[in-house]
Amino acid sequence: MSFLSRPRILVLLFTALAGVFLLPPAGATLQGLQVGAEAPDFQLQATSGTSRSFQELHGEKLTVVLFWATWSRNSAAALSRMEELYRKYRDQGLAVIAINADGQNLSAATEADIAALADRLKLDYPLLLDDQLQTFHDYGIIALPTTVILNPDRTIRYEMSGFPLIGVEEMVDFVAATMEGRSTAPVVAAKTGYRPAPKALHYFNMGRKTLKSLRMAKTAEMWFQKAIAADDSFLEPRLSLGRFYLNQKEFAKASDQFSQVLAKDPGNIVALCESGMLLARDGNEQQAEIMLEQGLKTDDFYTPCYYYLGYLKGKRGALDEALALFDKAQEINHSTPEIYDYLGRMYEKRQQPKAAAEAYCHTLETMLGLPLSAGSGDQTASPTSEPAATVAAPAPAHLESPPAATSPPSPPIPSRQP
């Protein structure tokens, strides 16, 4: 397939797969789930070759579900720390399940790497393979590694993105306190104490389910509004409703929802980042960058904040800063297609059509679980593959549709290997 033909095919496939971008991020750790919500069930193949479910593997008191990848810098440390906890508390009702999320189509070589790492770390708990990333998406994972701690009924008790030093110790304190029947530290109790009203959770889950149906998606607004009415302190429905309005291009309504979230929780990373991009859309790009940078100080594992800010910085000419931000987004979760989508839009704004077309192709390849084409490993664009013009995918809701670029060939894209 020629480099020129791929962007044209990309347009058709983006249209068919546009629903991938409709699921609303609703928390700093998980998209659309939080402490107190019911986590999805799963049944996945283990490295042993057998199919295993949560129901079969859960602990009597708690189950730690760790999402990880071989390419993720901190995953090995997270796996090792979970092994320590498992050995100490497994006889007291703790289970650990590690779910690998390397990609949508695991190769034999990747499966061999997974087995080798498990042997090297001497892991005793089960390792499951999320070959199609269905469980990864069901849980709304934003960063790898991510730790989700569940009750036997799959109620989320604790969640943590990445492997931050202080955060890990707080998570360990929560597990130890639960296993030993003692109180947790005040900072940990504050993270796990709030429980949304059951009716609000029910309405919220109905909204999330309807979003997955093209036919029923518009009814999500009603369900999110019902959830808000049932428990106004439950912020996830407002965040989801804000994203719903973004996708409907009702920007004033979206801004209102995010503003109400920030009134209750000024450090909410999702509301900060989405509000920042709405400011950018209205032409207040300097204020938008300030808000996005504030968001990253609040939570440095929220991937969208990096590619939003990278897009804005690259658009105004700060390419080195922009590429560093896209690098960081890939390091956290390089399975996110929006990273490449915003990278492509940045290059279009810079009138670099070849680099933009390559980024859009990587967007599609990531969405379909295909190996990234030449240029994605070292990110070097071929000097002979300049298309006549870039044909863009539909613009994200924040952004106006950019014009097709027709400028001279772009320089190579610097390396961003995770």
Protein backbone atom coordinates (compact mmCIF):
# COMPACT_ATOMS: atom_id res chain seq x y z
CA MET A 1 0.00 0.00 0.00
CA SER A 2 1.48 3.38 -0.98
CA PHE A 3 1.99 6.09 1.61
CA LEU A 4 -0.38 8.29 -0.38
CA SER A 5 -3.21 5.79 -0.34
CA ARG A 6 -3.10 5.10 3.37
CA PRO A 7 -4.43 8.49 4.52
CA ARG A 8 -7.34 8.14 2.10
CA ILE A 9 -8.25 4.75 3.54
CA LEU A 10 -7.71 6.24 7.00
CA VAL A 11 -10.58 8.67 6.45
CA LEU A 12 -13.04 5.87 5.75
CA LEU A 13 -11.91 3.77 8.67
CA PHE A 14 -11.93 6.71 11.07
CA THR A 15 -15.55 7.26 10.18
CA ALA A 16 -16.38 3.63 10.89
CA LEU A 17 -14.37 3.56 14.11
CA ALA A 18 -15.26 7.01 15.42
CA GLY A 19 -17.02 5.44 18.41
CA VAL A 20 -13.65 4.63 19.94
CA PHE A 21 -13.35 8.31 20.85
CA LEU A 22 -16.81 8.62 22.45
CA LEU A 23 -16.08 6.98 25.79
CA PRO A 24 -15.69 9.77 28.32
CA PRO A 25 -12.76 9.98 30.71
CA ALA A 26 -14.21 10.32 34.17
CA GLY A 27 -11.38 10.10 36.62
CA ALA A 28 -7.64 10.47 37.00
CA THR A 29 -7.01 6.71 37.18
CA LEU A 30 -9.87 5.09 35.28
CA GLN A 31 -12.16 6.39 32.56
CA GLY A 32 -15.73 6.22 33.80
CA LEU A 33 -15.06 4.27 37.02
CA GLN A 34 -14.11 5.31 40.52
CA VAL A 35 -13.93 4.04 44.09
CA GLY A 36 -17.34 2.68 45.05
CA ALA A 37 -18.34 1.70 41.51
CA GLU A 38 -18.73 -1.88 40.30
CA ALA A 39 -15.85 -2.98 38.09
CA PRO A 40 -16.55 -5.06 34.97
CA ASP A 41 -16.21 -8.82 35.10
CA PHE A 42 -13.66 -10.50 32.85
CA GLN A 43 -12.62 -13.90 31.55
CA LEU A 44 -9.18 -14.09 29.97
CA GLN A 45 -6.61 -16.66 28.97
CA ALA A 46 -3.85 -17.24 31.49
CA THR A 47 -0.21 -17.77 30.54
CA SER A 48 -0.84 -21.41 31.44
CA GLY A 49 -3.27 -21.61 28.51
CA THR A 50 -6.46 -21.98 30.56
CA SER A 51 -9.32 -19.47 30.62
CA ARG A 52 -9.76 -17.80 34.01
CA SER A 53 -12.38 -15.39 35.35
CA PHE A 54 -12.53 -12.94 38.24
CA GLN A 55 -15.10 -15.18 39.91
CA GLU A 56 -12.59 -18.04 39.95
CA LEU A 57 -9.60 -16.00 41.12
CA HIS A 58 -10.86 -13.35 43.54
CA GLY A 59 -9.76 -13.24 47.17
CA GLU A 60 -11.99 -13.64 50.19
CA LYS A 61 -11.27 -10.06 51.32
CA LEU A 62 -9.53 -8.15 48.53
CA THR A 63 -8.30 -8.71 45.00
CA VAL A 64 -5.54 -6.59 43.49
CA VAL A 65 -5.91 -6.34 39.71
CA LEU A 66 -2.72 -5.01 38.16
CA PHE A 67 -2.72 -3.89 34.51
CA TRP A 68 0.79 -3.88 33.10
CA ALA A 69 2.92 -4.20 29.93
CA THR A 70 6.41 -5.39 29.09
CA TRP A 71 7.20 -2.00 27.51
CA SER A 72 6.08 -0.06 30.60
CA ARG A 73 9.04 1.19 32.60
CA ASN A 74 7.53 0.64 36.07
CA SER A 75 5.58 -2.54 35.44
CA ALA A 76 8.29 -4.93 36.65
CA ALA A 77 8.58 -3.01 39.93
CA ALA A 78 4.79 -3.10 40.34
CA LEU A 79 4.66 -6.84 39.66
CA SER A 80 7.39 -7.45 42.24
CA ARG A 81 5.70 -5.35 44.90
CA MET A 82 2.41 -7.16 44.34
CA GLU A 83 4.26 -10.46 44.77
CA GLU A 84 5.51 -9.27 48.18
CA LEU A 85 1.96 -8.38 49.25
CA TYR A 86 0.57 -11.62 47.87
CA ARG A 87 3.02 -13.81 49.75
CA LYS A 88 2.39 -11.93 52.98
CA TYR A 89 -1.42 -11.88 52.87
CA ARG A 90 -2.65 -14.62 50.55
CA ASP A 91 -3.53 -16.86 53.50
CA GLN A 92 -5.59 -13.99 54.96
CA GLY A 93 -7.82 -13.49 51.92
CA LEU A 94 -5.76 -11.46 49.42
CA ALA A 95 -5.61 -12.40 45.73
CA VAL A 96 -3.55 -10.75 43.00
CA ILE A 97 -4.34 -10.93 39.28
CA ALA A 98 -1.92 -9.40 36.76
CA ILE A 99 -3.47 -8.55 33.39
CA ASN A 100 -1.03 -7.95 30.56
CA ALA A 101 -2.01 -5.18 28.14
CA ASP A 102 0.90 -5.15 25.72
CA GLY A 103 -1.36 -4.78 22.68
CA GLN A 104 -4.39 -5.95 20.79
CA ASN A 105 -2.62 -8.80 19.01
CA LEU A 106 0.03 -10.45 21.15
CA SER A 107 2.82 -12.05 19.17
CA ALA A 108 4.53 -15.29 20.17
CA ALA A 109 7.64 -13.24 20.99
CA THR A 110 5.68 -10.98 23.35
CA GLU A 111 4.08 -13.97 25.07
CA ALA A 112 7.57 -15.42 25.50
CA ASP A 113 8.77 -12.13 27.03
CA ILE A 114 5.81 -12.18 29.44
CA ALA A 115 6.60 -15.73 30.54
CA ALA A 116 10.29 -14.93 30.93
CA LEU A 117 9.55 -11.89 33.11
CA ALA A 118 7.20 -13.93 35.30
CA ASP A 119 9.93 -16.55 35.75
CA ARG A 120 12.58 -13.94 36.51
CA LEU A 121 10.40 -12.25 39.12
CA LYS A 122 9.21 -15.61 40.50
CA LEU A 123 5.55 -14.60 40.40
CA ASP A 124 3.14 -16.98 42.11
CA TYR A 125 -0.13 -15.24 41.25
CA PRO A 126 -1.92 -15.70 37.90
CA LEU A 127 -0.99 -13.69 34.81
CA LEU A 128 -3.79 -13.17 32.29
CA LEU A 129 -3.46 -12.02 28.67
CA ASP A 130 -5.78 -9.26 27.50
CA ASP A 131 -5.06 -10.08 23.87
CA GLN A 132 -7.75 -7.82 22.38
CA LEU A 133 -7.48 -5.17 25.15
CA GLN A 134 -11.19 -5.59 25.87
CA THR A 135 -10.72 -5.62 29.65
CA PHE A 136 -8.23 -2.76 29.37
CA HIS A 137 -10.91 -0.66 27.66
CA ASP A 138 -13.74 -1.88 29.91
CA TYR A 139 -11.82 -0.61 32.93
CA GLY A 140 -10.89 2.63 31.15
CA ILE A 141 -7.18 2.27 31.83
CA ILE A 142 -5.27 5.50 31.18
CA ALA A 143 -1.72 4.61 32.26
CA LEU A 144 0.35 1.47 32.71
CA PRO A 145 0.86 0.12 35.24
CA THR A 146 -2.52 0.72 36.92
CA THR A 147 -3.64 -0.95 40.14
CA VAL A 148 -7.32 -1.52 40.95
CA ILE A 149 -8.29 -3.15 44.26
CA LEU A 150 -11.68 -4.85 44.43
CA ASN A 151 -14.00 -6.43 46.95
CA PRO A 152 -15.26 -9.94 46.18
CA ASP A 153 -18.39 -8.36 44.61
CA ARG A 154 -16.11 -6.30 42.30
CA THR A 155 -16.73 -3.01 44.13
CA ILE A 156 -13.69 -0.79 43.58
CA ARG A 157 -11.99 -0.04 46.89
CA TYR A 158 -8.79 1.62 45.67
CA GLU A 159 -7.19 2.74 42.40
CA MET A 160 -3.74 4.01 41.44
CA SER A 161 -2.15 5.05 38.15
CA GLY A 162 1.54 4.45 37.56
CA PHE A 163 3.90 3.50 40.36
CA PRO A 164 4.54 6.72 42.35
CA LEU A 165 6.62 6.22 45.48
CA ILE A 166 4.21 7.84 47.94
CA GLY A 167 1.16 6.42 46.20
CA VAL A 168 2.53 2.89 46.41
CA GLU A 169 3.11 3.15 50.15
CA GLU A 170 -0.43 4.48 50.65
CA MET A 171 -1.81 1.59 48.61
CA VAL A 172 0.25 -0.92 50.62
CA ASP A 173 -1.06 0.65 53.85
CA PHE A 174 -4.63 0.24 52.60
CA VAL A 175 -4.10 -3.45 51.79
CA ALA A 176 -2.28 -4.15 55.04
CA ALA A 177 -4.90 -2.36 57.14
CA THR A 178 -7.74 -4.23 55.45
CA MET A 179 -6.02 -7.59 55.87
CA GLU A 180 -5.10 -6.90 59.49
CA GLY A 181 -8.44 -5.33 60.48
CA ARG A 182 -7.02 -1.96 61.51
CA SER A 183 -7.67 1.64 60.49
CA THR A 184 -5.86 3.14 57.54
CA ALA A 185 -3.82 6.33 57.60
CA PRO A 186 -6.01 9.48 57.34
CA VAL A 187 -4.72 10.31 53.83
CA VAL A 188 -5.68 6.82 52.65
CA ALA A 189 -9.06 6.94 54.38
CA ALA A 190 -9.80 10.19 52.53
CA LYS A 191 -9.21 8.45 49.19
CA THR A 192 -11.45 5.49 49.96
CA GLY A 193 -14.17 6.91 52.20
CA TYR A 194 -16.67 8.37 49.73
CA ARG A 195 -19.28 6.07 48.24
CA PRO A 196 -21.73 7.37 45.62
CA ALA A 197 -25.42 6.78 46.26
CA PRO A 198 -26.42 3.37 44.84
CA LYS A 199 -29.15 4.90 42.68
CA ALA A 200 -26.67 7.41 41.26
CA LEU A 201 -24.26 4.58 40.42
CA HIS A 202 -27.05 2.66 38.71
CA TYR A 203 -28.03 5.64 36.54
CA PHE A 204 -24.37 6.38 35.76
CA ASN A 205 -23.70 2.81 34.66
CA MET A 206 -26.77 2.95 32.42
CA GLY A 207 -25.35 6.07 30.82
CA ARG A 208 -22.01 4.39 30.20
CA LYS A 209 -23.70 1.38 28.64
CA THR A 210 -25.85 3.46 26.30
CA LEU A 211 -22.77 5.37 25.10
CA LYS A 212 -21.48 2.12 23.63
CA SER A 213 -24.55 1.83 21.40
CA LEU A 214 -24.72 4.10 18.36
CA ARG A 215 -28.50 3.74 18.40
CA MET A 216 -28.94 4.53 22.11
CA ALA A 217 -26.04 6.94 22.72
CA LYS A 218 -28.22 10.05 22.90
CA THR A 219 -30.11 8.65 25.90
CA ALA A 220 -26.85 8.81 27.89
CA GLU A 221 -27.58 12.48 28.61
CA MET A 222 -30.76 11.52 30.46
CA TRP A 223 -29.02 8.85 32.54
CA PHE A 224 -26.13 11.13 33.52
CA GLN A 225 -28.59 13.86 34.52
CA LYS A 226 -30.50 11.36 36.66
CA ALA A 227 -27.23 10.30 38.33
CA ILE A 228 -26.39 13.93 39.12
CA ALA A 229 -29.85 14.47 40.59
CA ALA A 230 -29.46 11.36 42.75
CA ASP A 231 -26.05 12.37 44.14
CA ASP A 232 -24.66 15.81 43.29
CA SER A 233 -21.36 14.99 45.02
CA PHE A 234 -20.74 12.15 42.56
CA LEU A 235 -18.57 13.93 39.97
CA GLU A 236 -18.21 11.17 37.39
CA PRO A 237 -21.63 11.80 35.77
CA ARG A 238 -20.85 15.51 35.33
CA LEU A 239 -17.51 14.69 33.71
CA SER A 240 -19.15 12.16 31.42
CA LEU A 241 -21.95 14.59 30.59
CA GLY A 242 -19.35 17.24 29.77
CA ARG A 243 -17.65 14.87 27.33
CA PHE A 244 -21.03 13.90 25.88
CA TYR A 245 -21.74 17.59 25.16
CA LEU A 246 -18.28 17.95 23.61
CA ASN A 247 -19.06 15.17 21.17
CA GLN A 248 -22.40 16.85 20.41
CA LYS A 249 -20.50 20.15 19.86
CA GLU A 250 -22.55 21.82 22.58
CA PHE A 251 -19.50 23.60 23.95
CA ALA A 252 -21.24 25.97 26.36
CA LYS A 253 -23.02 23.05 28.06
CA ALA A 254 -19.75 21.11 28.23
CA SER A 255 -17.93 24.06 29.79
CA ASP A 256 -20.70 24.43 32.38
CA GLN A 257 -20.36 20.80 33.49
CA PHE A 258 -16.59 21.01 33.83
CA SER A 259 -16.88 24.32 35.70
CA GLN A 260 -19.28 22.74 38.19
CA VAL A 261 -16.83 19.90 38.74
CA LEU A 262 -13.99 22.38 39.40
CA ALA A 263 -16.19 24.29 41.85
CA LYS A 264 -16.40 21.12 43.95
CA ASP A 265 -12.92 19.76 43.19
CA PRO A 266 -10.50 22.49 41.95
CA GLY A 267 -7.77 19.94 41.28
CA ASN A 268 -9.85 17.55 39.16
CA ILE A 269 -7.47 16.61 36.38
CA VAL A 270 -10.14 15.72 33.83
CA ALA A 271 -12.08 18.95 34.28
CA LEU A 272 -8.87 21.01 34.20
CA CYS A 273 -7.70 19.44 30.95
CA GLU A 274 -11.03 19.53 29.14
CA SER A 275 -11.66 23.12 30.26
CA GLY A 276 -8.19 24.02 29.02
CA MET A 277 -8.94 22.69 25.57
CA LEU A 278 -12.24 24.56 25.49
CA LEU A 279 -10.31 27.74 26.25
CA ALA A 280 -7.99 26.93 23.36
CA ARG A 281 -10.93 26.43 21.07
CA ASP A 282 -12.15 29.92 21.97
CA GLY A 283 -8.74 31.39 21.13
CA ASN A 284 -7.39 31.66 24.70
CA GLU A 285 -4.42 29.40 24.06
CA GLN A 286 -2.10 31.02 26.60
CA GLN A 287 -4.66 30.51 29.36
CA ALA A 288 -5.27 27.00 28.07
CA GLU A 289 -1.58 26.10 28.39
CA ILE A 290 -1.54 27.46 31.96
CA MET A 291 -4.55 25.35 32.88
CA LEU A 292 -3.09 22.20 31.28
CA GLU A 293 0.25 22.73 33.05
CA GLN A 294 -1.67 23.13 36.30
CA GLY A 295 -3.36 19.83 35.53
CA LEU A 296 -0.04 18.04 35.08
CA LYS A 297 1.10 19.35 38.47
CA THR A 298 -2.05 17.82 39.93
CA ASP A 299 -1.69 14.42 38.24
CA ASP A 300 1.29 13.55 36.07
CA PHE A 301 -0.17 10.22 34.88
CA TYR A 302 -3.20 11.58 33.00
CA THR A 303 -2.24 10.94 29.37
CA PRO A 304 -4.66 13.36 27.61
CA CYS A 305 -3.11 16.34 29.40
CA TYR A 306 0.24 15.57 27.75
CA TYR A 307 -1.03 15.30 24.19
CA TYR A 308 -3.38 18.28 24.58
CA LEU A 309 -0.50 20.44 25.80
CA GLY A 310 1.85 18.96 23.19
CA TYR A 311 -0.60 19.92 20.45
CA LEU A 312 -0.83 23.53 21.67
CA LYS A 313 2.91 24.00 22.17
CA GLY A 314 3.75 22.49 18.79
CA LYS A 315 1.11 24.59 17.09
CA ARG A 316 2.72 27.83 18.36
CA GLY A 317 6.25 26.70 17.43
CA ALA A 318 7.71 25.09 20.57
CA LEU A 319 8.40 21.78 18.79
CA ASP A 320 10.98 20.37 21.20
CA GLU A 321 8.65 20.91 24.16
CA ALA A 322 5.77 19.45 22.20
CA LEU A 323 7.62 16.30 21.20
CA ALA A 324 8.78 15.78 24.79
CA LEU A 325 5.15 15.88 25.90
CA PHE A 326 4.09 13.41 23.21
CA ASP A 327 7.02 11.20 24.30
CA LYS A 328 5.73 11.23 27.86
CA ALA A 329 2.21 10.36 26.75
CA GLN A 330 3.56 7.36 24.84
CA GLU A 331 5.66 6.30 27.81
CA ILE A 332 2.56 6.22 30.01
CA ASN A 333 0.32 4.43 27.50
CA HIS A 334 1.43 4.10 23.88
CA SER A 335 -1.75 2.16 23.02
CA THR A 336 -3.73 5.42 23.03
CA PRO A 337 -4.63 6.34 19.42
CA GLU A 338 -5.46 9.95 20.34
CA ILE A 339 -1.75 10.57 20.98
CA TYR A 340 -1.00 10.09 17.29
CA ASP A 341 -4.17 11.90 16.25
CA TYR A 342 -3.18 15.06 18.12
CA LEU A 343 0.39 14.67 16.89
CA GLY A 344 -0.92 14.62 13.32
CA ARG A 345 -3.05 17.71 13.93
CA MET A 346 -0.07 19.51 15.40
CA TYR A 347 1.93 18.78 12.25
CA GLU A 348 -0.96 19.94 10.08
CA LYS A 349 -1.02 23.25 11.94
CA ARG A 350 2.73 23.47 11.31
CA GLN A 351 2.04 22.73 7.61
CA GLN A 352 4.09 19.52 7.64
CA PRO A 353 1.83 17.17 5.66
CA LYS A 354 4.12 14.16 5.44
CA ALA A 355 4.66 14.02 9.20
CA ALA A 356 0.93 14.55 9.74
CA ALA A 357 -0.03 11.74 7.36
CA GLU A 358 2.37 9.35 9.09
CA ALA A 359 0.95 10.22 12.50
CA TYR A 360 -2.60 9.60 11.25
CA CYS A 361 -1.55 6.22 9.91
CA HIS A 362 -0.15 5.37 13.35
CA THR A 363 -3.47 6.44 14.86
CA LEU A 364 -5.29 3.92 12.71
CA GLU A 365 -2.74 1.17 13.31
CA THR A 366 -3.06 1.67 17.07
CA MET A 367 -6.86 1.56 16.89
CA LEU A 368 -6.76 -1.68 14.91
CA GLY A 369 -3.97 -3.26 16.96
CA LEU A 370 -1.63 -3.44 13.96
CA PRO A 371 2.16 -3.19 14.22
CA LEU A 372 3.18 0.41 13.65
CA SER A 373 4.53 0.94 10.14
CA ALA A 374 8.01 2.08 9.19
CA GLY A 375 8.82 5.26 11.02
CA SER A 376 7.02 4.43 14.25
CA GLY A 377 9.96 2.76 15.92
CA ASP A 378 12.54 5.43 15.24
CA GLN A 379 9.86 7.81 13.99
CA THR A 380 11.87 8.72 10.89
CA ALA A 381 9.73 9.77 7.96
CA SER A 382 10.73 8.43 4.58
CA PRO A 383 12.05 11.22 2.30
CA THR A 384 10.36 9.62 -0.71
CA SER A 385 6.94 9.14 0.82
CA GLU A 386 5.60 12.72 0.64
CA PRO A 387 1.87 12.64 -0.15
CA ALA A 388 0.32 15.24 -2.40
CA ALA A 389 -1.84 16.46 0.47
CA THR A 390 -2.83 15.31 3.93
CA VAL A 391 -6.38 14.01 4.30
CA ALA A 392 -7.31 14.38 7.94
CA ALA A 393 -9.49 12.28 10.19
CA PRO A 394 -12.53 13.97 11.76
CA ALA A 395 -11.31 16.61 14.21
CA PRO A 396 -11.62 15.99 17.97
CA ALA A 397 -14.58 17.83 19.45
CA HIS A 398 -12.38 20.56 20.97
CA LEU A 399 -10.76 21.44 17.69
CA GLU A 400 -11.94 23.09 14.55
CA SER A 401 -11.35 20.98 11.44
CA PRO A 402 -7.87 21.96 10.22
CA PRO A 403 -7.32 22.74 6.52
CA ALA A 404 -5.41 20.32 4.33
CA ALA A 405 -1.76 21.28 4.34
CA THR A 406 0.19 21.69 1.12
CA SER A 407 3.55 22.98 2.33
CA PRO A 408 7.05 21.62 1.51
CA PRO A 409 8.18 18.26 2.96
CA SER A 410 8.65 18.06 6.71
CA PRO A 411 11.82 17.08 8.59
CA PRO A 412 12.04 13.59 10.14
CA ILE A 413 9.99 12.97 13.27
CA PRO A 414 12.37 12.52 16.23
CA SER A 415 12.47 9.23 18.13
CA ARG A 416 9.80 8.63 20.75
CA GLN A 417 10.24 4.93 21.50
CA PRO A 418 8.64 4.18 24.90
